[in-house]
Amino acid sequence: MIITIIGTGYVGLVTGVCLSEFGFDVTCVDNVPEKIALLKNNVSPIYEPGLDQMIRSNAEAKRLHFTSDLEQCVPHSNVVFLAVGTPSAANGEDVDLTYVFSAVEDIAPHLQDGAVVIIKCTVVPGTCQRVKERIEELRPDLDFSVVSNPEFLREGSAIQDFMRPDRVVLGIHDERGREVAETLYRPLKLQDTPISVASLVGAEVSKYAANAFLAMKVSFINGIADLCEKVDGNIIEVSEIIGLDERIGDKFLRAGPGFGGSCFPKDTRALAAFARKVDAPQELVEATITLNETRKKHMAERVLATIGEPKGKTVAVLGVSFKPDTDDIRESPALAVLDLLIDSGVTVRAFDPKAMEAATELYPDVVWADDPYEAVVGAHAVVIMTEWNLLRALELDRLRDAMAEPLMIDLRNIHRRKEPTRYGFTYVSIGRDRAKPTSEVTA
């Protein structure tokens, strides 16, 4: 089986590398020469734990190749994956399918009879059918198949998610497409991974439905955290109790400052916008979008209210990526905090183990530190925004001694409440502290 992957972004690169790990011959194509140059030197253009090593080992085994010239590989491929970006459109809601159909125009002249085109990117219902129809227009005599194969990869654990997924989803319109796609994923089937077969539209809807449901869980537990603060409850206890119900499950029940990243915000907006167009409005999804934006704003305001008068204050922000084990800062809740602090005249110092390069371009006035202890020097408060493991194991006495005032605002609840207070910190967290006036919090 010879495979071409169009696009070496997050999804395309992980898919290509993992399929080569299965033993397939894979060529990844991208029209950005700088990316291809890095990949040919066994360097990933994205941060994902373990990815560099897998690129190197499979390239050395001659199973994994990189090029900018799709004419070198598409004509010889049994399978062509489309894994290009589907960003939000200019209106901020609809999904922009420009890159998908541009890729279709590029590959169509070079497809061989019997080829299977697999749509890996996230697309609204009906897109795969449109891809099929467009290829038929361009190549009326071509014998080919189209398969929808949505990805369910989490940044920071994408390799594990690909190699040991909860399920593989295949949307098909003919038997050949099904047979070829099932052959690709046979190594996972042998591990008892469920292979869910649906229509093209069924597979497309499943991706949006899954992400929207998880996003709703995040917003739900954040609302319960607010309730806990009003009645002296503990959201950690509540989350654990309800998560033990197998109908609910314990995933995505950690209260925090809201969700961000490249998937949940974009996909919930796209689903809501598409559903309105077909007269099937998704009110729960619409509410989730609003709640999440409000959440990020309120958490930033909480930080500002907790530090008191902003004039002359320095605040250290630890973590700017939207989640740990990624360098992705897209729609990260940390950005709302940085924006409000800067706009209020606060001096901001910050640290993130992987995301500082991208964040520095957006926030050149922030003082970026090499480690958490350098970040908190002279700070009147430290705000934890991302649950990086290294932030769980901070030397709290060393942190305290470097600060002007020992105030910790933990928006990820990564510390036990009593631990920072043992070291003299005033400790503020989420869903575990009754909301108090600023004078009480900072006293």
Protein backbone atom coordinates (compact mmCIF):
# COMPACT_ATOMS: atom_id res chain seq x y z
CA MET A 1 0.00 0.00 0.00
CA ILE A 2 1.49 3.32 -1.10
CA ILE A 3 0.11 6.39 0.67
CA THR A 4 0.34 10.14 0.07
CA ILE A 5 -0.59 12.65 2.76
CA ILE A 6 -1.45 16.16 1.55
CA GLY A 7 -0.59 18.57 4.36
CA THR A 8 2.03 18.28 7.10
CA GLY A 9 0.20 20.21 9.75
CA TYR A 10 -0.68 18.62 13.06
CA VAL A 11 -3.11 16.02 11.72
CA GLY A 12 -1.33 15.23 8.48
CA LEU A 13 2.11 14.79 9.98
CA VAL A 14 0.98 12.62 12.88
CA THR A 15 -1.15 10.50 10.53
CA GLY A 16 1.67 10.03 8.05
CA VAL A 17 4.28 9.18 10.66
CA CYS A 18 2.01 6.70 12.44
CA LEU A 19 0.97 4.97 9.21
CA SER A 20 4.64 4.57 8.31
CA GLU A 21 5.11 3.05 11.76
CA PHE A 22 2.51 0.45 10.72
CA GLY A 23 4.85 -0.45 7.85
CA PHE A 24 3.21 1.42 4.96
CA ASP A 25 5.17 3.48 2.44
CA VAL A 26 4.14 7.07 3.13
CA THR A 27 5.00 10.37 1.45
CA CYS A 28 3.97 13.60 3.13
CA VAL A 29 3.47 16.59 0.84
CA ASP A 30 3.45 20.26 1.79
CA ASN A 31 3.75 23.46 -0.23
CA VAL A 32 5.81 25.20 2.46
CA PRO A 33 9.48 24.52 1.59
CA GLU A 34 10.69 25.41 5.08
CA LYS A 35 8.57 22.63 6.58
CA ILE A 36 9.82 20.06 4.11
CA ALA A 37 13.43 21.10 4.73
CA LEU A 38 12.99 20.57 8.47
CA LEU A 39 11.29 17.22 7.99
CA LYS A 40 13.98 15.96 5.64
CA ASN A 41 16.40 16.66 8.49
CA ASN A 42 14.19 14.64 10.84
CA VAL A 43 12.95 17.73 12.67
CA SER A 44 9.24 18.19 13.29
CA PRO A 45 7.87 21.70 12.62
CA ILE A 46 5.37 21.14 15.46
CA TYR A 47 5.92 20.11 19.05
CA GLU A 48 4.45 16.73 19.92
CA PRO A 49 6.14 14.39 22.42
CA GLY A 50 7.90 11.49 20.66
CA LEU A 51 7.24 12.71 17.11
CA ASP A 52 10.84 13.61 16.20
CA GLN A 53 12.07 10.14 17.13
CA MET A 54 9.37 8.43 15.04
CA ILE A 55 10.13 10.65 12.05
CA ARG A 56 13.79 9.74 12.26
CA SER A 57 13.31 5.99 12.65
CA ASN A 58 10.81 5.64 9.81
CA ALA A 59 12.75 7.93 7.46
CA GLU A 60 15.85 5.84 8.10
CA ALA A 61 13.82 2.72 7.34
CA LYS A 62 12.88 4.30 3.95
CA ARG A 63 9.15 4.13 4.74
CA LEU A 64 8.62 7.85 5.32
CA HIS A 65 9.36 10.55 2.73
CA PHE A 66 8.78 14.28 2.39
CA THR A 67 8.36 16.42 -0.71
CA SER A 68 6.80 19.60 -2.09
CA ASP A 69 6.08 17.95 -5.45
CA LEU A 70 2.87 15.94 -5.34
CA GLU A 71 3.45 14.80 -8.92
CA GLN A 72 6.24 12.61 -7.56
CA CYS A 73 3.91 10.56 -5.41
CA VAL A 74 0.17 10.96 -6.14
CA PRO A 75 0.25 9.09 -9.50
CA HIS A 76 1.76 6.04 -7.76
CA SER A 77 -0.44 6.10 -4.64
CA ASN A 78 -3.23 3.72 -3.74
CA VAL A 79 -4.45 6.11 -1.05
CA VAL A 80 -4.33 9.91 -0.88
CA PHE A 81 -5.18 11.56 2.43
CA LEU A 82 -6.34 15.18 2.51
CA ALA A 83 -5.15 16.61 5.82
CA VAL A 84 -5.08 20.32 5.06
CA GLY A 85 -6.28 23.08 7.33
CA THR A 86 -9.93 24.00 7.72
CA PRO A 87 -9.71 27.29 9.61
CA SER A 88 -12.57 29.54 10.56
CA ALA A 89 -13.85 31.75 7.77
CA ALA A 90 -13.56 35.53 7.87
CA ASN A 91 -16.86 35.77 9.77
CA GLY A 92 -15.31 33.77 12.63
CA GLU A 93 -17.99 31.08 12.49
CA ASP A 94 -18.18 29.13 9.24
CA VAL A 95 -15.41 26.73 8.29
CA ASP A 96 -13.19 27.79 5.39
CA LEU A 97 -12.88 24.88 2.93
CA THR A 98 -10.59 26.71 0.52
CA TYR A 99 -7.59 24.51 1.26
CA VAL A 100 -9.62 21.32 0.88
CA PHE A 101 -10.87 22.13 -2.60
CA SER A 102 -7.54 23.60 -3.65
CA ALA A 103 -5.97 20.26 -2.74
CA VAL A 104 -8.68 18.46 -4.72
CA GLU A 105 -7.81 20.55 -7.79
CA ASP A 106 -4.14 19.69 -7.31
CA ILE A 107 -4.48 15.92 -6.89
CA ALA A 108 -7.29 15.16 -9.34
CA PRO A 109 -5.17 15.23 -12.52
CA HIS A 110 -2.71 12.73 -11.01
CA LEU A 111 -4.97 10.13 -9.38
CA GLN A 112 -4.74 6.59 -10.72
CA ASP A 113 -7.72 4.32 -11.32
CA GLY A 114 -8.70 2.57 -8.10
CA ALA A 115 -7.34 5.35 -5.90
CA VAL A 116 -9.03 6.05 -2.58
CA VAL A 117 -9.19 9.68 -1.43
CA ILE A 118 -9.54 9.91 2.35
CA ILE A 119 -10.69 13.16 3.95
CA LYS A 120 -8.91 13.40 7.30
CA CYS A 121 -9.55 17.06 8.03
CA THR A 122 -12.59 18.33 9.92
CA VAL A 123 -15.29 19.34 7.44
CA VAL A 124 -18.96 20.19 7.68
CA PRO A 125 -21.58 17.64 6.58
CA GLY A 126 -21.79 17.21 2.83
CA THR A 127 -18.18 18.20 2.13
CA CYS A 128 -16.96 14.69 1.28
CA GLN A 129 -19.81 14.30 -1.21
CA ARG A 130 -18.81 17.62 -2.75
CA VAL A 131 -15.20 16.41 -3.00
CA LYS A 132 -16.40 13.27 -4.77
CA GLU A 133 -18.51 15.29 -7.20
CA ARG A 134 -15.67 17.71 -7.94
CA ILE A 135 -13.24 14.91 -8.76
CA GLU A 136 -15.90 13.37 -11.02
CA GLU A 137 -16.17 16.70 -12.83
CA LEU A 138 -12.42 16.96 -13.27
CA ARG A 139 -11.88 13.29 -14.15
CA PRO A 140 -15.12 11.88 -15.60
CA ASP A 141 -13.54 8.55 -16.53
CA LEU A 142 -11.65 8.02 -13.27
CA ASP A 143 -12.56 5.02 -11.12
CA PHE A 144 -12.01 6.16 -7.51
CA SER A 145 -13.48 6.16 -4.02
CA VAL A 146 -13.89 8.75 -1.28
CA VAL A 147 -13.77 7.99 2.44
CA SER A 148 -14.38 10.24 5.44
CA ASN A 149 -11.96 9.44 8.26
CA PRO A 150 -12.21 12.19 10.89
CA GLU A 151 -9.38 12.52 13.36
CA PHE A 152 -9.78 12.48 17.13
CA LEU A 153 -6.23 13.43 18.11
CA ARG A 154 -5.46 15.41 21.22
CA GLU A 155 -2.48 17.72 21.10
CA GLY A 156 0.15 16.46 23.51
CA SER A 157 -0.97 12.82 23.23
CA ALA A 158 -1.59 12.50 19.49
CA ILE A 159 0.69 9.52 18.89
CA GLN A 160 -0.95 7.54 21.66
CA ASP A 161 -4.38 8.59 20.35
CA PHE A 162 -3.53 7.35 16.86
CA MET A 163 -1.90 4.10 17.97
CA ARG A 164 -4.46 3.22 20.65
CA PRO A 165 -7.64 5.12 19.82
CA ASP A 166 -11.06 4.76 21.39
CA ARG A 167 -12.40 4.09 17.90
CA VAL A 168 -11.70 4.60 14.22
CA VAL A 169 -14.50 6.21 12.20
CA LEU A 170 -14.90 5.41 8.50
CA GLY A 171 -17.50 7.15 6.37
CA ILE A 172 -17.91 5.28 3.09
CA HIS A 173 -19.92 5.33 -0.11
CA ASP A 174 -18.65 2.13 -1.74
CA GLU A 175 -17.18 -1.24 -0.81
CA ARG A 176 -13.72 -0.61 -2.22
CA GLY A 177 -13.27 2.46 -0.06
CA ARG A 178 -14.31 0.45 2.97
CA GLU A 179 -11.95 -2.43 2.19
CA VAL A 180 -8.95 -0.16 1.62
CA ALA A 181 -9.62 1.94 4.73
CA GLU A 182 -10.07 -1.17 6.88
CA THR A 183 -6.77 -2.52 5.52
CA LEU A 184 -5.03 0.68 6.61
CA TYR A 185 -6.34 0.30 10.12
CA ARG A 186 -6.00 -3.48 10.39
CA PRO A 187 -3.10 -3.14 12.90
CA LEU A 188 -5.55 -1.34 15.21
CA LYS A 189 -8.34 -3.84 14.58
CA LEU A 190 -5.97 -6.58 15.76
CA GLN A 191 -5.72 -4.65 19.04
CA ASP A 192 -9.52 -4.81 19.35
CA THR A 193 -9.99 -1.15 18.42
CA PRO A 194 -13.63 -0.59 17.39
CA ILE A 195 -13.96 0.34 13.71
CA SER A 196 -17.17 2.33 13.27
CA VAL A 197 -18.48 2.39 9.71
CA ALA A 198 -20.99 5.05 8.72
CA SER A 199 -22.11 7.07 5.74
CA LEU A 200 -19.98 9.98 4.59
CA VAL A 201 -22.29 12.44 6.34
CA GLY A 202 -22.54 10.30 9.46
CA ALA A 203 -18.78 10.36 9.88
CA GLU A 204 -18.62 14.12 9.30
CA VAL A 205 -21.32 14.81 11.89
CA SER A 206 -19.69 12.47 14.42
CA LYS A 207 -16.54 14.58 14.61
CA TYR A 208 -18.41 17.80 15.34
CA ALA A 209 -20.78 16.09 17.75
CA ALA A 210 -17.92 14.55 19.74
CA ASN A 211 -16.01 17.81 20.11
CA ALA A 212 -19.13 19.79 20.94
CA PHE A 213 -20.14 17.33 23.63
CA LEU A 214 -16.71 17.46 25.28
CA ALA A 215 -16.73 21.25 25.12
CA MET A 216 -20.12 21.25 26.82
CA LYS A 217 -18.71 19.08 29.63
CA VAL A 218 -15.97 21.65 30.20
CA SER A 219 -18.43 24.54 30.40
CA PHE A 220 -20.80 22.51 32.58
CA ILE A 221 -18.18 21.73 35.21
CA ASN A 222 -16.98 25.35 35.19
CA GLY A 223 -20.52 26.41 36.05
CA ILE A 224 -20.66 23.89 38.89
CA ALA A 225 -17.32 25.25 40.12
CA ASP A 226 -18.91 28.69 40.40
CA LEU A 227 -21.71 27.14 42.45
CA CYS A 228 -19.21 25.43 44.73
CA GLU A 229 -17.56 28.77 45.46
CA LYS A 230 -20.87 30.23 46.59
CA VAL A 231 -21.74 27.38 48.96
CA ASP A 232 -18.26 26.40 50.23
CA GLY A 233 -18.22 23.22 48.13
CA ASN A 234 -15.15 21.63 46.61
CA ILE A 235 -15.24 21.11 42.83
CA ILE A 236 -12.51 18.46 43.03
CA GLU A 237 -14.76 16.30 45.21
CA VAL A 238 -17.83 16.96 43.08
CA SER A 239 -16.01 16.14 39.83
CA GLU A 240 -14.69 12.89 41.24
CA ILE A 241 -18.13 11.82 42.48
CA ILE A 242 -20.03 12.52 39.28
CA GLY A 243 -17.19 11.13 37.16
CA LEU A 244 -17.59 7.74 38.82
CA ASP A 245 -20.97 7.46 37.12
CA GLU A 246 -20.09 5.46 33.99
CA ARG A 247 -22.81 7.30 32.09
CA ILE A 248 -20.87 10.54 32.66
CA GLY A 249 -17.22 9.50 32.92
CA ASP A 250 -14.38 11.44 34.49
CA LYS A 251 -12.84 13.02 31.37
CA PHE A 252 -13.16 16.77 30.77
CA LEU A 253 -14.48 17.43 34.27
CA ARG A 254 -11.60 19.57 35.51
CA ALA A 255 -12.72 23.10 36.30
CA GLY A 256 -10.56 25.88 34.94
CA PRO A 257 -10.43 29.11 32.95
CA GLY A 258 -12.21 27.75 29.85
CA PHE A 259 -11.20 25.78 26.79
CA GLY A 260 -9.01 26.94 23.93
CA GLY A 261 -6.85 25.43 21.19
CA SER A 262 -7.40 24.71 17.54
CA CYS A 263 -10.40 22.39 17.80
CA PHE A 264 -13.08 23.09 20.40
CA PRO A 265 -13.56 26.82 19.72
CA LYS A 266 -13.44 26.46 15.95
CA ASP A 267 -15.53 23.30 15.75
CA THR A 268 -18.29 24.45 18.09
CA ARG A 269 -18.66 27.69 16.13
CA ALA A 270 -18.68 25.84 12.81
CA LEU A 271 -21.26 23.33 14.01
CA ALA A 272 -23.51 26.06 15.37
CA ALA A 273 -23.26 28.11 12.18
CA PHE A 274 -23.89 25.13 9.89
CA ALA A 275 -26.83 23.93 12.00
CA ARG A 276 -28.48 27.35 11.81
CA LYS A 277 -28.19 27.28 8.02
CA VAL A 278 -30.03 23.97 7.77
CA ASP A 279 -32.67 25.07 10.30
CA ALA A 280 -31.53 22.73 13.07
CA PRO A 281 -30.15 25.21 15.64
CA GLN A 282 -27.99 23.68 18.35
CA GLU A 283 -28.91 25.70 21.41
CA LEU A 284 -26.67 23.78 23.81
CA VAL A 285 -23.69 24.32 21.53
CA GLU A 286 -24.54 28.01 21.12
CA ALA A 287 -24.71 28.35 24.91
CA THR A 288 -21.38 26.56 25.30
CA ILE A 289 -19.68 29.01 22.95
CA THR A 290 -21.05 31.99 24.88
CA LEU A 291 -20.27 30.47 28.27
CA ASN A 292 -16.68 29.74 27.31
CA GLU A 293 -15.96 33.24 26.06
CA THR A 294 -17.55 34.65 29.19
CA ARG A 295 -15.51 32.25 31.31
CA LYS A 296 -12.20 33.41 29.89
CA LYS A 297 -13.18 37.05 30.40
CA HIS A 298 -14.33 36.46 33.98
CA MET A 299 -11.19 34.54 34.90
CA ALA A 300 -9.03 37.40 33.63
CA GLU A 301 -11.14 39.83 35.65
CA ARG A 302 -10.76 37.59 38.70
CA VAL A 303 -6.98 37.80 38.43
CA LEU A 304 -7.11 41.58 38.17
CA ALA A 305 -9.53 41.90 41.10
CA THR A 306 -7.42 39.59 43.25
CA ILE A 307 -4.20 41.58 42.85
CA GLY A 308 -6.01 44.82 43.77
CA GLU A 309 -4.83 48.20 42.47
CA PRO A 310 -2.88 47.37 39.29
CA LYS A 311 -0.65 50.43 39.27
CA GLY A 312 2.94 49.47 40.04
CA LYS A 313 2.13 45.75 40.19
CA THR A 314 4.07 42.93 38.57
CA VAL A 315 2.35 39.63 37.84
CA ALA A 316 3.98 36.38 36.75
CA VAL A 317 1.97 34.14 34.40
CA LEU A 318 3.08 30.51 34.30
CA GLY A 319 1.89 28.70 31.19
CA VAL A 320 0.49 30.27 28.04
CA SER A 321 -0.27 27.23 25.85
CA PHE A 322 -3.92 26.20 25.95
CA LYS A 323 -2.96 22.84 27.48
CA PRO A 324 0.25 21.06 28.51
CA ASP A 325 2.53 19.14 26.12
CA THR A 326 1.87 21.48 23.21
CA ASP A 327 3.20 24.79 21.93
CA ASP A 328 -0.25 25.82 20.67
CA ILE A 329 -1.51 29.14 22.03
CA ARG A 330 -4.54 29.49 19.75
CA GLU A 331 -7.47 30.87 21.77
CA SER A 332 -5.68 29.95 24.99
CA PRO A 333 -7.38 31.30 28.13
CA ALA A 334 -3.97 32.64 29.14
CA LEU A 335 -4.18 35.22 26.37
CA ALA A 336 -7.27 36.81 27.94
CA VAL A 337 -5.34 37.17 31.19
CA LEU A 338 -2.28 38.64 29.48
CA ASP A 339 -4.42 41.09 27.51
CA LEU A 340 -6.30 42.41 30.54
CA LEU A 341 -3.21 42.69 32.73
CA ILE A 342 -1.28 44.56 30.05
CA ASP A 343 -4.22 46.86 29.28
CA SER A 344 -4.49 47.64 33.01
CA GLY A 345 -0.87 48.74 33.21
CA VAL A 346 0.46 45.70 35.04
CA THR A 347 4.03 44.61 34.33
CA VAL A 348 3.80 41.02 33.13
CA ARG A 349 6.51 38.41 33.39
CA ALA A 350 5.81 34.96 31.95
CA PHE A 351 7.11 31.47 31.31
CA ASP A 352 6.04 28.46 29.25
CA PRO A 353 8.31 25.49 28.49
CA LYS A 354 7.22 25.20 24.84
CA ALA A 355 4.98 28.08 23.75
CA MET A 356 7.15 31.12 24.40
CA GLU A 357 8.41 31.50 20.85
CA ALA A 358 4.90 31.90 19.46
CA ALA A 359 3.75 33.99 22.42
CA THR A 360 6.71 36.38 22.20
CA GLU A 361 5.58 37.44 18.73
CA LEU A 362 2.15 38.38 20.11
CA TYR A 363 3.40 39.91 23.35
CA PRO A 364 6.80 41.55 22.83
CA ASP A 365 6.33 43.74 25.92
CA VAL A 366 6.00 40.76 28.26
CA VAL A 367 9.22 39.80 30.04
CA TRP A 368 9.77 36.18 29.05
CA ALA A 369 11.77 34.10 31.52
CA ASP A 370 13.78 30.90 31.12
CA ASP A 371 12.14 29.17 34.08
CA PRO A 372 9.33 29.72 36.62
CA TYR A 373 11.65 31.05 39.29
CA GLU A 374 13.03 33.74 37.02
CA ALA A 375 9.48 34.63 35.97
CA VAL A 376 8.30 35.38 39.52
CA VAL A 377 11.20 37.66 40.50
CA GLY A 378 9.67 40.76 42.07
CA ALA A 379 6.11 39.65 41.30
CA HIS A 380 3.15 40.63 43.47
CA ALA A 381 1.24 37.58 42.29
CA VAL A 382 1.83 34.40 40.31
CA VAL A 383 -0.94 33.02 38.07
CA ILE A 384 -0.91 29.38 36.97
CA MET A 385 -2.63 29.07 33.59
CA THR A 386 -1.44 25.72 32.17
CA GLU A 387 -1.08 22.43 34.05
CA TRP A 388 2.45 21.62 32.95
CA ASN A 389 3.94 18.88 35.12
CA LEU A 390 6.93 21.01 36.06
CA LEU A 391 4.52 23.53 37.60
CA ARG A 392 3.07 20.81 39.82
CA ALA A 393 6.48 20.23 41.38
CA LEU A 394 7.51 23.82 42.05
CA GLU A 395 9.81 24.49 44.99
CA LEU A 396 7.34 26.73 46.77
CA ASP A 397 9.82 28.18 49.24
CA ARG A 398 12.11 29.20 46.38
CA LEU A 399 9.13 30.65 44.50
CA ARG A 400 7.96 32.60 47.55
CA ASP A 401 11.42 34.04 48.28
CA ALA A 402 11.71 35.45 44.77
CA MET A 403 8.38 37.29 44.93
CA ALA A 404 7.48 40.72 46.24
CA GLU A 405 4.24 39.29 47.68
CA PRO A 406 3.36 35.59 48.15
CA LEU A 407 0.03 35.48 46.29
CA MET A 408 -0.74 32.45 44.10
CA ILE A 409 -3.76 32.35 41.78
CA ASP A 410 -4.09 28.78 40.57
CA LEU A 411 -6.63 28.69 37.74
CA ARG A 412 -5.93 24.99 37.07
CA ASN A 413 -6.16 23.65 40.65
CA ILE A 414 -2.83 21.85 40.28
CA HIS A 415 -1.93 22.34 43.94
CA ARG A 416 -3.63 21.10 47.07
CA ARG A 417 -5.13 23.99 48.95
CA LYS A 418 -3.08 23.52 52.12
CA GLU A 419 0.30 23.11 50.42
CA PRO A 420 0.93 26.69 49.21
CA THR A 421 -0.44 28.13 52.48
CA ARG A 422 2.12 26.05 54.40
CA TYR A 423 4.77 28.10 52.63
CA GLY A 424 3.13 31.43 53.41
CA PHE A 425 1.18 31.92 50.19
CA THR A 426 -2.25 33.43 49.98
CA TYR A 427 -3.75 30.78 47.71
CA VAL A 428 -6.71 31.31 45.37
CA SER A 429 -8.06 28.50 43.21
CA ILE A 430 -11.17 27.52 41.23
CA GLY A 431 -14.30 26.03 42.77
CA ARG A 432 -12.67 25.56 46.16
CA ASP A 433 -12.71 29.08 47.57
CA ARG A 434 -15.73 31.12 48.50
CA ALA A 435 -15.68 34.30 46.42
CA LYS A 436 -14.39 37.10 48.68
CA PRO A 437 -13.93 40.84 48.32
CA THR A 438 -10.43 41.78 47.16
CA SER A 439 -9.42 43.04 50.61
CA GLU A 440 -10.13 39.62 52.13
CA VAL A 441 -8.37 37.70 49.38
CA THR A 442 -5.18 39.71 49.56
CA ALA A 443 -5.06 40.15 53.29
